[in-house]
């Protein structure tokens, strides 16, 4: 019975429409996550990785629920570099993953994905993308100087990070899926049928203030 309740809860989290005014909150929460993670340079994402990235996704408050069979879901934002080398305006994505193994309870986690190649960015731009299948992914290094000597020698196309209960570290998310959230794009930019190309090329008209604040925050950390 408990397992059934858990799966029902996850279904509600995945399929309930959370657009409308919540899209603004989503951008604000992404800005907050970035600020909090980068506030401690020795434990945050190396700024050089952010500076050289082709794309960055931030999914605040990913909910993970489980009872033997588990799942996680969240909604966030992403920015990519356009053909001019500029950071795009934020566009909206959803994140879904599953896992099998002994687990029980619920947990909220902030997730950041750093896309290091143009190929990995092109995957999500096409609408749907599976981490680990469509591009290699690995837990990312932390700390200001971490990029100088790690693994992975930074060969992975996507580096993943998560923060749960105040602890921030690299995490493996293979098999999780990212999907474009077109409804939230329309809601945030207040334009029916707005295209992803327009958002990436910064041709949306007036930029909502929460998006401006997010881009200024990102710029601050990649100097």
N, C-alpha and C. Protein backbone atom coordinates (compact mmCIF):
# COMPACT_ATOMS: atom_id res chain seq x y z
N UNK A 1 0.83 -1.20 0.00
CA UNK A 1 0.00 0.00 0.00
C UNK A 1 0.87 1.25 0.00
N UNK A 2 1.93 1.24 0.82
CA UNK A 2 2.80 2.40 0.91
C UNK A 2 3.46 2.66 -0.44
N UNK A 3 3.87 1.59 -1.11
CA UNK A 3 4.50 1.74 -2.42
C UNK A 3 3.54 2.40 -3.41
N UNK A 4 2.29 2.00 -3.38
CA UNK A 4 1.28 2.58 -4.27
C UNK A 4 1.13 4.07 -4.02
N UNK A 5 1.09 4.46 -2.75
CA UNK A 5 0.96 5.88 -2.40
C UNK A 5 2.15 6.68 -2.89
N UNK A 6 3.34 6.10 -2.76
CA UNK A 6 4.55 6.79 -3.22
C UNK A 6 4.50 7.01 -4.72
N UNK A 7 4.09 5.98 -5.47
CA UNK A 7 4.04 6.11 -6.92
C UNK A 7 2.96 7.09 -7.36
N UNK A 8 1.85 7.14 -6.62
CA UNK A 8 0.81 8.12 -6.92
C UNK A 8 1.33 9.54 -6.71
N UNK A 9 2.08 9.73 -5.63
CA UNK A 9 2.67 11.04 -5.35
C UNK A 9 3.60 11.45 -6.48
N UNK A 10 4.42 10.51 -6.93
CA UNK A 10 5.36 10.83 -8.01
C UNK A 10 4.60 11.17 -9.29
N UNK A 11 3.53 10.46 -9.56
CA UNK A 11 2.71 10.75 -10.74
C UNK A 11 2.18 12.18 -10.68
N UNK A 12 1.71 12.59 -9.54
CA UNK A 12 1.19 13.94 -9.38
C UNK A 12 2.29 14.97 -9.62
N UNK A 13 3.48 14.70 -9.07
CA UNK A 13 4.60 15.62 -9.25
C UNK A 13 4.98 15.77 -10.71
N UNK A 14 4.91 14.67 -11.46
CA UNK A 14 5.35 14.69 -12.85
C UNK A 14 4.33 15.34 -13.76
N UNK A 15 3.03 15.04 -13.55
CA UNK A 15 2.05 15.41 -14.54
C UNK A 15 1.18 16.61 -14.16
N UNK A 16 1.32 17.12 -12.95
CA UNK A 16 0.56 18.31 -12.58
C UNK A 16 1.16 19.54 -13.25
N UNK A 17 0.32 20.35 -13.86
CA UNK A 17 0.79 21.56 -14.53
C UNK A 17 1.22 22.59 -13.47
N UNK A 18 2.46 23.02 -13.55
CA UNK A 18 2.97 23.98 -12.57
C UNK A 18 3.41 25.26 -13.26
N UNK A 19 2.76 25.60 -14.37
CA UNK A 19 3.14 26.80 -15.10
C UNK A 19 2.61 28.04 -14.39
N UNK A 20 2.02 28.94 -15.16
CA UNK A 20 1.47 30.19 -14.66
C UNK A 20 2.52 30.99 -13.91
N UNK A 21 2.17 31.55 -12.74
CA UNK A 21 3.08 32.43 -12.02
C UNK A 21 4.31 31.68 -11.51
N UNK A 22 4.26 30.38 -11.45
CA UNK A 22 5.38 29.62 -10.90
C UNK A 22 6.61 29.66 -11.79
N UNK A 23 6.45 30.01 -13.07
CA UNK A 23 7.64 30.06 -13.92
C UNK A 23 8.59 31.17 -13.46
N UNK A 24 8.03 32.27 -12.98
CA UNK A 24 8.87 33.34 -12.45
C UNK A 24 9.63 32.85 -11.22
N UNK A 25 8.92 32.15 -10.36
CA UNK A 25 9.56 31.61 -9.16
C UNK A 25 10.67 30.64 -9.53
N UNK A 26 10.48 29.89 -10.60
CA UNK A 26 11.49 28.92 -11.01
C UNK A 26 12.79 29.62 -11.39
N UNK A 27 12.69 30.73 -12.10
CA UNK A 27 13.89 31.49 -12.48
C UNK A 27 14.55 32.08 -11.23
N UNK A 28 13.75 32.60 -10.34
CA UNK A 28 14.28 33.18 -9.11
C UNK A 28 14.98 32.12 -8.26
N UNK A 29 14.40 30.93 -8.19
CA UNK A 29 15.02 29.86 -7.41
C UNK A 29 16.33 29.40 -8.05
N UNK A 30 16.38 29.37 -9.38
CA UNK A 30 17.62 29.00 -10.07
C UNK A 30 18.73 30.01 -9.76
N UNK A 31 18.37 31.28 -9.73
CA UNK A 31 19.35 32.32 -9.38
C UNK A 31 19.84 32.14 -7.95
N UNK A 32 18.93 31.82 -7.06
CA UNK A 32 19.28 31.60 -5.66
C UNK A 32 20.22 30.40 -5.51
N UNK A 33 19.92 29.31 -6.21
CA UNK A 33 20.77 28.12 -6.15
C UNK A 33 22.18 28.45 -6.63
N UNK A 34 22.27 29.17 -7.75
CA UNK A 34 23.59 29.53 -8.28
C UNK A 34 24.36 30.40 -7.30
N UNK A 35 23.69 31.38 -6.72
CA UNK A 35 24.35 32.25 -5.73
C UNK A 35 24.86 31.46 -4.53
N UNK A 36 24.02 30.58 -4.01
CA UNK A 36 24.39 29.85 -2.80
C UNK A 36 25.53 28.86 -3.06
N UNK A 37 25.51 28.22 -4.22
CA UNK A 37 26.56 27.25 -4.53
C UNK A 37 27.89 27.93 -4.79
N UNK A 38 27.86 29.08 -5.43
CA UNK A 38 29.11 29.77 -5.76
C UNK A 38 29.61 30.66 -4.63
N UNK A 39 28.86 30.74 -3.54
CA UNK A 39 29.25 31.60 -2.42
C UNK A 39 30.49 31.09 -1.70
N UNK A 40 30.77 29.80 -1.81
CA UNK A 40 31.95 29.21 -1.15
C UNK A 40 32.86 28.67 -2.26
N UNK A 41 33.81 29.49 -2.72
CA UNK A 41 34.62 29.12 -3.89
C UNK A 41 35.31 27.77 -3.79
N UNK A 42 35.74 27.38 -2.60
CA UNK A 42 36.48 26.13 -2.46
C UNK A 42 35.57 24.91 -2.53
N UNK A 43 34.26 25.12 -2.52
CA UNK A 43 33.33 23.99 -2.56
C UNK A 43 32.33 24.08 -3.69
N UNK A 44 32.43 25.11 -4.52
CA UNK A 44 31.49 25.30 -5.60
C UNK A 44 31.99 24.76 -6.92
N UNK A 45 31.25 25.08 -7.98
CA UNK A 45 31.66 24.68 -9.32
C UNK A 45 32.84 25.54 -9.75
N UNK A 46 33.91 24.95 -10.28
CA UNK A 46 35.04 25.77 -10.75
C UNK A 46 34.58 26.80 -11.77
N UNK A 47 34.85 28.08 -11.54
CA UNK A 47 34.39 29.12 -12.48
C UNK A 47 34.84 28.88 -13.91
N UNK A 48 36.02 28.29 -14.11
CA UNK A 48 36.51 28.03 -15.46
C UNK A 48 35.58 27.08 -16.21
N UNK A 49 34.96 26.15 -15.50
CA UNK A 49 34.04 25.23 -16.16
C UNK A 49 32.78 25.96 -16.62
N UNK A 50 32.31 26.88 -15.79
CA UNK A 50 31.14 27.67 -16.18
C UNK A 50 31.48 28.57 -17.36
N UNK A 51 32.65 29.18 -17.32
CA UNK A 51 33.04 30.12 -18.37
C UNK A 51 33.15 29.43 -19.73
N UNK A 52 33.68 28.21 -19.74
CA UNK A 52 33.91 27.50 -21.00
C UNK A 52 32.73 26.63 -21.43
N UNK A 53 31.68 26.60 -20.64
CA UNK A 53 30.55 25.71 -20.92
C UNK A 53 29.78 26.17 -22.16
N UNK A 54 29.14 25.21 -22.83
CA UNK A 54 28.25 25.51 -23.94
C UNK A 54 26.81 25.68 -23.46
N UNK A 55 26.52 25.16 -22.27
CA UNK A 55 25.19 25.29 -21.72
C UNK A 55 25.20 24.99 -20.23
N UNK A 56 24.26 25.56 -19.50
CA UNK A 56 24.13 25.33 -18.06
C UNK A 56 22.66 25.17 -17.73
N UNK A 57 22.33 24.08 -17.05
CA UNK A 57 20.95 23.85 -16.60
C UNK A 57 20.91 23.83 -15.08
N UNK A 58 19.91 24.48 -14.52
CA UNK A 58 19.71 24.49 -13.06
C UNK A 58 18.28 24.04 -12.78
N UNK A 59 18.16 22.96 -12.02
CA UNK A 59 16.84 22.43 -11.67
C UNK A 59 16.72 22.45 -10.15
N UNK A 60 16.09 23.47 -9.58
CA UNK A 60 15.93 23.54 -8.12
C UNK A 60 14.91 22.53 -7.62
N UNK A 61 15.13 22.07 -6.42
CA UNK A 61 14.14 21.28 -5.68
C UNK A 61 13.62 20.07 -6.47
N UNK A 62 14.54 19.28 -7.02
CA UNK A 62 14.13 18.03 -7.65
C UNK A 62 13.65 17.10 -6.54
N UNK A 63 12.44 16.60 -6.67
CA UNK A 63 11.86 15.74 -5.65
C UNK A 63 12.14 14.28 -6.00
N UNK A 64 12.73 13.58 -5.06
CA UNK A 64 12.96 12.14 -5.23
C UNK A 64 12.13 11.41 -4.20
N UNK A 65 11.29 10.49 -4.68
CA UNK A 65 10.48 9.68 -3.78
C UNK A 65 10.72 8.21 -4.12
N UNK A 66 10.62 7.36 -3.12
CA UNK A 66 10.88 5.97 -3.41
C UNK A 66 10.45 5.01 -2.32
N UNK A 67 10.11 3.83 -2.75
CA UNK A 67 9.89 2.70 -1.86
C UNK A 67 10.26 1.47 -2.68
N UNK A 68 11.54 1.12 -2.63
CA UNK A 68 12.16 0.09 -3.48
C UNK A 68 12.30 0.60 -4.91
N UNK A 69 11.18 0.94 -5.57
CA UNK A 69 11.24 1.58 -6.88
C UNK A 69 11.07 3.07 -6.67
N UNK A 70 12.03 3.85 -7.17
CA UNK A 70 11.99 5.27 -6.90
C UNK A 70 11.93 6.09 -8.18
N UNK A 71 11.67 7.37 -8.02
CA UNK A 71 11.65 8.28 -9.15
C UNK A 71 11.94 9.68 -8.67
N UNK A 72 12.36 10.54 -9.60
CA UNK A 72 12.61 11.93 -9.23
C UNK A 72 12.15 12.81 -10.38
N UNK A 73 11.71 13.99 -10.01
CA UNK A 73 11.19 14.91 -11.03
C UNK A 73 11.40 16.34 -10.55
N UNK A 74 11.67 17.21 -11.52
CA UNK A 74 11.80 18.62 -11.21
C UNK A 74 11.69 19.45 -12.47
N UNK A 75 11.54 20.73 -12.29
CA UNK A 75 11.48 21.67 -13.40
C UNK A 75 12.47 22.79 -13.16
N UNK A 76 13.15 23.21 -14.22
CA UNK A 76 14.17 24.23 -14.06
C UNK A 76 14.35 25.03 -15.32
N UNK A 77 15.51 25.66 -15.43
CA UNK A 77 15.82 26.50 -16.58
C UNK A 77 17.18 26.13 -17.14
N UNK A 78 17.42 26.57 -18.37
CA UNK A 78 18.70 26.31 -19.01
C UNK A 78 19.07 27.50 -19.88
N UNK A 79 20.36 27.76 -20.01
CA UNK A 79 20.87 28.75 -20.96
C UNK A 79 21.96 28.07 -21.79
N UNK A 80 22.11 28.49 -23.03
CA UNK A 80 23.15 27.96 -23.91
C UNK A 80 23.82 29.13 -24.63
N UNK A 81 24.99 28.87 -25.16
CA UNK A 81 25.66 29.89 -25.97
C UNK A 81 25.13 29.81 -27.40
N UNK A 82 24.76 30.96 -27.93
CA UNK A 82 24.26 30.99 -29.31
C UNK A 82 25.43 31.13 -30.30
N UNK A 83 25.11 31.29 -31.56
CA UNK A 83 26.14 31.36 -32.59
C UNK A 83 27.05 32.57 -32.46
N UNK A 84 26.59 33.58 -31.72
CA UNK A 84 27.42 34.77 -31.49
C UNK A 84 28.29 34.64 -30.24
N UNK A 85 28.17 33.49 -29.56
CA UNK A 85 28.93 33.31 -28.33
C UNK A 85 28.31 33.97 -27.12
N UNK A 86 27.06 34.46 -27.27
CA UNK A 86 26.34 35.07 -26.16
C UNK A 86 25.55 34.00 -25.41
N UNK A 87 25.32 34.25 -24.12
CA UNK A 87 24.41 33.38 -23.39
C UNK A 87 22.99 33.68 -23.82
N UNK A 88 22.25 32.64 -24.11
CA UNK A 88 20.85 32.80 -24.50
C UNK A 88 20.03 33.32 -23.33
N UNK A 89 18.81 33.72 -23.62
CA UNK A 89 17.86 33.97 -22.54
C UNK A 89 17.46 32.60 -21.97
N UNK A 90 17.01 32.55 -20.73
CA UNK A 90 16.64 31.26 -20.12
C UNK A 90 15.45 30.62 -20.82
N UNK A 91 15.51 29.31 -21.01
CA UNK A 91 14.34 28.56 -21.45
C UNK A 91 14.09 27.45 -20.44
N UNK A 92 12.90 26.87 -20.48
CA UNK A 92 12.44 26.00 -19.40
C UNK A 92 12.54 24.53 -19.79
N UNK A 93 12.92 23.70 -18.82
CA UNK A 93 13.08 22.27 -19.03
C UNK A 93 12.47 21.50 -17.86
N UNK A 94 12.19 20.23 -18.10
CA UNK A 94 11.79 19.33 -17.02
C UNK A 94 12.82 18.21 -16.91
N UNK A 95 12.91 17.63 -15.73
CA UNK A 95 13.91 16.60 -15.44
C UNK A 95 13.19 15.42 -14.81
N UNK A 96 13.43 14.22 -15.34
CA UNK A 96 12.79 13.02 -14.80
C UNK A 96 13.79 11.87 -14.77
N UNK A 97 13.81 11.13 -13.68
CA UNK A 97 14.71 9.98 -13.57
C UNK A 97 14.09 8.92 -12.68
N UNK A 98 14.65 7.74 -12.74
CA UNK A 98 14.15 6.64 -11.91
C UNK A 98 15.30 5.83 -11.37
N UNK A 99 15.02 5.00 -10.39
CA UNK A 99 16.06 4.14 -9.81
C UNK A 99 15.39 2.94 -9.15
N UNK A 100 16.14 1.83 -9.07
CA UNK A 100 15.66 0.62 -8.43
C UNK A 100 16.67 0.21 -7.36
N UNK A 101 16.19 -0.13 -6.20
CA UNK A 101 17.08 -0.51 -5.11
C UNK A 101 16.41 -0.17 -3.79
N UNK A 102 17.03 -0.52 -2.68
CA UNK A 102 16.42 -0.27 -1.39
C UNK A 102 16.43 1.22 -1.08
N UNK A 103 15.26 1.80 -0.98
CA UNK A 103 15.12 3.22 -0.70
C UNK A 103 13.72 3.45 -0.16
N UNK A 104 13.59 4.45 0.65
CA UNK A 104 12.29 4.79 1.21
C UNK A 104 12.31 6.26 1.59
N UNK A 105 11.18 6.93 1.40
CA UNK A 105 11.07 8.31 1.81
C UNK A 105 11.15 9.27 0.64
N UNK A 106 11.29 10.57 0.95
CA UNK A 106 11.34 11.62 -0.06
C UNK A 106 12.49 12.55 0.24
N UNK A 107 13.02 13.17 -0.81
CA UNK A 107 14.17 14.04 -0.64
C UNK A 107 14.13 15.13 -1.71
N UNK A 108 14.55 16.34 -1.36
CA UNK A 108 14.59 17.46 -2.30
C UNK A 108 16.05 17.80 -2.58
N UNK A 109 16.38 17.93 -3.85
CA UNK A 109 17.76 18.15 -4.26
C UNK A 109 17.83 19.20 -5.35
N UNK A 110 18.82 20.09 -5.27
CA UNK A 110 19.09 21.04 -6.34
C UNK A 110 20.11 20.41 -7.27
N UNK A 111 19.88 20.50 -8.57
CA UNK A 111 20.77 19.89 -9.55
C UNK A 111 21.26 20.94 -10.55
N UNK A 112 22.55 20.92 -10.84
CA UNK A 112 23.14 21.75 -11.88
C UNK A 112 23.86 20.85 -12.87
N UNK A 113 23.63 21.11 -14.15
CA UNK A 113 24.31 20.37 -15.21
C UNK A 113 25.12 21.36 -16.05
N UNK A 114 26.39 21.03 -16.25
CA UNK A 114 27.27 21.88 -17.05
C UNK A 114 27.54 21.13 -18.37
N UNK A 115 27.06 21.68 -19.46
CA UNK A 115 27.21 21.07 -20.79
C UNK A 115 28.50 21.60 -21.42
N UNK A 116 29.43 20.71 -21.70
CA UNK A 116 30.75 21.12 -22.13
C UNK A 116 30.96 21.06 -23.63
N UNK A 117 30.03 20.48 -24.38
CA UNK A 117 30.19 20.37 -25.82
C UNK A 117 28.95 20.86 -26.56
N UNK A 118 29.16 21.28 -27.78
CA UNK A 118 28.05 21.72 -28.61
C UNK A 118 27.10 20.56 -28.89
N UNK A 119 27.63 19.36 -29.04
CA UNK A 119 26.81 18.19 -29.32
C UNK A 119 25.82 17.92 -28.20
N UNK A 120 26.28 18.04 -26.97
CA UNK A 120 25.39 17.79 -25.83
C UNK A 120 24.27 18.82 -25.76
N UNK A 121 24.58 20.06 -26.10
CA UNK A 121 23.56 21.11 -26.11
C UNK A 121 22.54 20.86 -27.22
N UNK A 122 23.02 20.44 -28.38
CA UNK A 122 22.11 20.19 -29.50
C UNK A 122 21.07 19.13 -29.14
N UNK A 123 21.43 18.19 -28.27
CA UNK A 123 20.50 17.14 -27.89
C UNK A 123 19.26 17.69 -27.23
N UNK A 124 19.42 18.55 -26.22
CA UNK A 124 18.26 19.09 -25.53
C UNK A 124 17.50 20.07 -26.40
N UNK A 125 18.20 20.78 -27.29
CA UNK A 125 17.53 21.72 -28.17
C UNK A 125 16.54 21.01 -29.09
N UNK A 126 16.82 19.74 -29.39
CA UNK A 126 15.90 18.97 -30.24
C UNK A 126 14.63 18.58 -29.49
N UNK A 127 14.59 18.79 -28.18
CA UNK A 127 13.35 18.60 -27.44
C UNK A 127 13.42 17.62 -26.28
N UNK A 128 14.17 16.54 -26.43
CA UNK A 128 14.26 15.53 -25.38
C UNK A 128 15.64 14.90 -25.41
N UNK A 129 16.16 14.57 -24.21
CA UNK A 129 17.57 14.20 -24.11
C UNK A 129 17.75 13.27 -22.92
N UNK A 130 18.46 12.16 -23.13
CA UNK A 130 18.72 11.22 -22.04
C UNK A 130 20.18 11.29 -21.64
N UNK A 131 20.42 11.60 -20.37
CA UNK A 131 21.77 11.74 -19.87
C UNK A 131 22.48 10.39 -19.87
N UNK A 132 23.67 10.36 -20.41
CA UNK A 132 24.44 9.13 -20.45
C UNK A 132 24.25 8.36 -21.73
N UNK A 133 23.09 8.50 -22.36
CA UNK A 133 22.82 7.81 -23.61
C UNK A 133 23.09 8.71 -24.80
N UNK A 134 22.57 9.94 -24.73
CA UNK A 134 22.76 10.88 -25.82
C UNK A 134 24.06 11.66 -25.69
N UNK A 135 24.63 11.69 -24.52
CA UNK A 135 25.93 12.33 -24.28
C UNK A 135 26.48 11.80 -22.98
N UNK A 136 27.81 11.66 -22.90
CA UNK A 136 28.43 11.13 -21.69
C UNK A 136 28.28 12.12 -20.55
N UNK A 137 28.11 11.58 -19.35
CA UNK A 137 27.92 12.42 -18.16
C UNK A 137 28.71 11.84 -17.01
N UNK A 138 29.25 12.72 -16.16
CA UNK A 138 30.00 12.28 -14.98
C UNK A 138 29.82 13.30 -13.88
N UNK A 139 30.02 12.85 -12.65
CA UNK A 139 29.99 13.77 -11.51
C UNK A 139 31.11 14.78 -11.67
N UNK A 140 30.78 16.05 -11.51
CA UNK A 140 31.76 17.11 -11.74
C UNK A 140 32.64 17.39 -10.54
N UNK A 141 33.83 17.92 -10.79
CA UNK A 141 34.74 18.30 -9.69
C UNK A 141 34.26 19.57 -9.00
N UNK A 142 34.60 19.73 -7.75
CA UNK A 142 34.22 20.94 -7.01
C UNK A 142 35.47 21.65 -6.54
N UNK A 143 35.35 22.94 -6.30
CA UNK A 143 36.46 23.73 -5.80
C UNK A 143 37.08 24.58 -6.89
N UNK A 144 37.59 25.71 -6.50
CA UNK A 144 38.11 26.70 -7.44
C UNK A 144 39.20 26.14 -8.35
N UNK A 145 40.04 25.24 -7.82
CA UNK A 145 41.17 24.75 -8.59
C UNK A 145 40.99 23.30 -9.05
N UNK A 146 39.78 22.77 -8.90
CA UNK A 146 39.57 21.35 -9.17
C UNK A 146 39.79 20.98 -10.62
N UNK A 147 39.58 21.96 -11.53
CA UNK A 147 39.71 21.62 -12.93
C UNK A 147 41.13 21.28 -13.33
N UNK A 148 42.10 21.57 -12.45
CA UNK A 148 43.50 21.35 -12.79
C UNK A 148 43.86 19.88 -12.82
N UNK A 149 43.17 19.03 -12.08
CA UNK A 149 43.53 17.62 -12.10
C UNK A 149 42.44 16.73 -11.58
N UNK A 150 41.59 16.23 -12.44
CA UNK A 150 40.52 15.33 -12.05
C UNK A 150 40.51 14.18 -13.02
N UNK A 151 39.64 13.41 -12.88
CA UNK A 151 39.28 12.20 -13.55
C UNK A 151 39.86 11.96 -14.81
N UNK A 152 38.59 12.37 -14.55
CA UNK A 152 37.83 12.26 -15.74
C UNK A 152 38.54 13.06 -16.74
N UNK A 153 39.61 13.60 -16.34
CA UNK A 153 40.33 14.60 -17.10
C UNK A 153 39.31 15.42 -17.87
N UNK A 154 38.16 15.54 -17.27
CA UNK A 154 37.10 16.35 -17.86
C UNK A 154 36.76 15.91 -19.27
N UNK A 155 36.73 14.62 -19.49
CA UNK A 155 36.38 14.10 -20.82
C UNK A 155 34.88 13.97 -21.01
N UNK A 156 34.13 13.95 -19.94
CA UNK A 156 32.67 13.82 -20.05
C UNK A 156 32.09 15.06 -20.72
N UNK A 157 31.04 14.85 -21.51
CA UNK A 157 30.40 15.97 -22.20
C UNK A 157 29.55 16.82 -21.26
N UNK A 158 29.01 16.18 -20.21
CA UNK A 158 28.18 16.89 -19.23
C UNK A 158 28.71 16.58 -17.84
N UNK A 159 28.86 17.60 -17.02
CA UNK A 159 29.25 17.43 -15.63
C UNK A 159 28.04 17.74 -14.75
N UNK A 160 27.78 16.87 -13.78
CA UNK A 160 26.58 17.01 -12.96
C UNK A 160 26.94 17.30 -11.50
N UNK A 161 26.10 18.10 -10.88
CA UNK A 161 26.28 18.49 -9.48
C UNK A 161 24.92 18.44 -8.79
N UNK A 162 24.94 18.15 -7.50
CA UNK A 162 23.69 18.21 -6.74
C UNK A 162 23.97 18.74 -5.34
N UNK A 163 22.94 19.33 -4.76
CA UNK A 163 23.03 19.81 -3.38
C UNK A 163 21.82 19.32 -2.62
N UNK A 164 22.08 18.57 -1.57
CA UNK A 164 21.00 18.04 -0.75
C UNK A 164 21.35 18.20 0.72
N UNK A 165 20.44 18.78 1.47
CA UNK A 165 20.67 18.99 2.90
C UNK A 165 21.97 19.75 3.16
N UNK A 166 22.24 20.73 2.31
CA UNK A 166 23.40 21.58 2.52
C UNK A 166 24.69 21.02 1.99
N UNK A 167 24.70 19.78 1.51
CA UNK A 167 25.92 19.18 1.00
C UNK A 167 25.92 19.29 -0.52
N UNK A 168 27.02 19.82 -1.07
CA UNK A 168 27.13 20.01 -2.51
C UNK A 168 28.25 19.15 -3.05
N UNK A 169 27.98 18.37 -4.09
CA UNK A 169 29.00 17.49 -4.64
C UNK A 169 28.59 17.03 -6.02
N UNK A 170 29.54 16.42 -6.73
CA UNK A 170 29.22 15.82 -8.02
C UNK A 170 28.33 14.61 -7.80
N UNK A 171 27.50 14.30 -8.80
CA UNK A 171 26.59 13.17 -8.67
C UNK A 171 26.36 12.57 -10.06
N UNK A 172 26.15 11.27 -10.12
CA UNK A 172 25.88 10.61 -11.39
C UNK A 172 24.38 10.55 -11.63
N UNK A 173 23.95 10.96 -12.82
CA UNK A 173 22.53 11.00 -13.15
C UNK A 173 22.24 10.27 -14.44
N UNK A 174 23.02 9.27 -14.76
CA UNK A 174 22.84 8.53 -16.00
C UNK A 174 21.43 7.95 -16.09
N UNK A 175 20.85 8.06 -17.27
CA UNK A 175 19.51 7.52 -17.49
C UNK A 175 18.39 8.51 -17.25
N UNK A 176 18.71 9.64 -16.60
CA UNK A 176 17.68 10.67 -16.39
C UNK A 176 17.40 11.40 -17.70
N UNK A 177 16.21 11.96 -17.80
CA UNK A 177 15.78 12.59 -19.04
C UNK A 177 15.51 14.08 -18.85
N UNK A 178 15.99 14.88 -19.79
CA UNK A 178 15.65 16.29 -19.86
C UNK A 178 14.70 16.50 -21.03
N UNK A 179 13.70 17.33 -20.81
CA UNK A 179 12.73 17.57 -21.87
C UNK A 179 12.34 19.05 -21.89
N UNK A 180 12.15 19.58 -23.09
CA UNK A 180 11.79 20.98 -23.22
C UNK A 180 10.39 21.23 -22.66
N UNK A 181 10.24 22.35 -21.95
CA UNK A 181 8.95 22.73 -21.36
C UNK A 181 8.42 23.93 -22.14
N UNK A 182 7.78 23.65 -23.28
CA UNK A 182 7.34 24.72 -24.18
C UNK A 182 6.25 25.59 -23.55
N UNK A 183 5.36 24.99 -22.77
CA UNK A 183 4.28 25.76 -22.14
C UNK A 183 4.84 26.83 -21.22
N UNK A 184 5.87 26.46 -20.45
CA UNK A 184 6.45 27.43 -19.53
C UNK A 184 7.17 28.55 -20.28
N UNK A 185 7.79 28.23 -21.42
CA UNK A 185 8.40 29.27 -22.25
C UNK A 185 7.36 30.30 -22.66
N UNK A 186 6.21 29.82 -23.12
CA UNK A 186 5.14 30.72 -23.55
C UNK A 186 4.62 31.56 -22.39
N UNK A 187 4.49 30.92 -21.24
CA UNK A 187 3.97 31.62 -20.07
C UNK A 187 4.93 32.71 -19.61
N UNK A 188 6.22 32.38 -19.54
CA UNK A 188 7.21 33.33 -19.02
C UNK A 188 7.39 34.52 -19.95
N UNK A 189 7.47 34.26 -21.24
CA UNK A 189 7.71 35.35 -22.20
C UNK A 189 6.42 35.95 -22.73
N UNK A 190 5.28 35.41 -22.24
CA UNK A 190 3.96 35.95 -22.56
C UNK A 190 3.73 36.04 -24.08
N UNK A 191 4.12 34.96 -24.75
CA UNK A 191 3.92 34.88 -26.20
C UNK A 191 3.57 33.47 -26.60
N UNK A 192 2.38 33.30 -27.15
CA UNK A 192 1.97 31.98 -27.62
C UNK A 192 2.81 31.60 -28.84
N UNK A 193 3.32 30.38 -28.83
CA UNK A 193 4.09 29.90 -29.97
C UNK A 193 5.50 30.41 -30.06
N UNK A 194 6.02 31.03 -29.01
CA UNK A 194 7.39 31.52 -29.06
C UNK A 194 8.34 30.34 -29.32
N UNK A 195 9.30 30.56 -30.21
CA UNK A 195 10.19 29.47 -30.59
C UNK A 195 11.46 29.47 -29.73
N UNK A 196 12.05 28.30 -29.63
CA UNK A 196 13.30 28.18 -28.90
C UNK A 196 14.40 28.98 -29.58
N UNK A 197 14.36 29.04 -30.90
CA UNK A 197 15.36 29.82 -31.65
C UNK A 197 15.31 31.28 -31.25
N UNK A 198 14.12 31.82 -31.06
CA UNK A 198 13.99 33.22 -30.64
C UNK A 198 14.60 33.43 -29.26
N UNK A 199 14.37 32.49 -28.36
CA UNK A 199 14.90 32.62 -27.00
C UNK A 199 16.42 32.51 -27.02
N UNK A 200 16.94 31.55 -27.76
CA UNK A 200 18.40 31.37 -27.82
C UNK A 200 19.08 32.58 -28.43
N UNK A 201 18.46 33.17 -29.44
CA UNK A 201 19.06 34.32 -30.12
C UNK A 201 18.65 35.66 -29.51
N UNK A 202 18.00 35.60 -28.34
CA UNK A 202 17.68 36.80 -27.56
C UNK A 202 16.76 37.75 -28.33
N UNK A 203 15.76 37.16 -29.00
CA UNK A 203 14.83 37.95 -29.80
C UNK A 203 13.41 37.76 -29.31
N UNK A 204 13.25 37.88 -28.00
CA UNK A 204 11.93 37.67 -27.39
C UNK A 204 11.17 38.97 -27.18
N UNK A 205 11.80 40.09 -27.51
CA UNK A 205 11.21 41.37 -27.15
C UNK A 205 11.70 41.77 -25.77
N UNK A 206 10.80 42.22 -24.92
CA UNK A 206 11.17 42.62 -23.57
C UNK A 206 11.61 41.40 -22.76
N UNK A 207 12.77 41.52 -22.10
CA UNK A 207 13.27 40.43 -21.27
C UNK A 207 12.71 40.58 -19.86
N UNK A 208 11.99 39.58 -19.34
CA UNK A 208 11.47 39.67 -17.97
C UNK A 208 12.60 39.90 -16.97
N UNK A 209 12.33 40.69 -15.96
CA UNK A 209 13.36 41.06 -14.99
C UNK A 209 14.01 39.87 -14.31
N UNK A 210 13.28 38.82 -13.91
CA UNK A 210 13.95 37.68 -13.28
C UNK A 210 15.00 37.04 -14.17
N UNK A 211 14.76 37.02 -15.49
CA UNK A 211 15.75 36.48 -16.42
C UNK A 211 16.97 37.37 -16.49
N UNK A 212 16.76 38.68 -16.46
CA UNK A 212 17.89 39.62 -16.48
C UNK A 212 18.76 39.43 -15.24
N UNK A 213 18.12 39.27 -14.11
CA UNK A 213 18.86 39.07 -12.86
C UNK A 213 19.67 37.77 -12.92
N UNK A 214 19.06 36.71 -13.46
CA UNK A 214 19.77 35.44 -13.57
C UNK A 214 21.01 35.58 -14.45
N UNK A 215 20.86 36.20 -15.61
CA UNK A 215 21.99 36.33 -16.53
C UNK A 215 23.10 37.19 -15.93
N UNK A 216 22.73 38.24 -15.21
CA UNK A 216 23.74 39.08 -14.54
C UNK A 216 24.46 38.29 -13.45
N UNK A 217 23.72 37.43 -12.76
CA UNK A 217 24.34 36.59 -11.73
C UNK A 217 25.32 35.62 -12.35
N UNK A 218 24.94 34.97 -13.42
CA UNK A 218 25.84 34.05 -14.11
C UNK A 218 27.08 34.77 -14.58
N UNK A 219 26.91 35.92 -15.16
CA UNK A 219 28.04 36.71 -15.66
C UNK A 219 29.02 37.02 -14.54
N UNK A 220 28.48 37.28 -13.37
CA UNK A 220 29.33 37.62 -12.21
C UNK A 220 30.27 36.48 -11.84
N UNK A 221 29.83 35.25 -12.04
CA UNK A 221 30.62 34.09 -11.59
C UNK A 221 31.53 33.50 -12.66
N UNK A 222 31.46 34.00 -13.89
CA UNK A 222 32.30 33.43 -14.93
C UNK A 222 33.35 34.40 -15.45
N UNK A 223 33.57 35.49 -14.74
CA UNK A 223 34.61 36.43 -15.13
C UNK A 223 35.99 35.81 -14.97
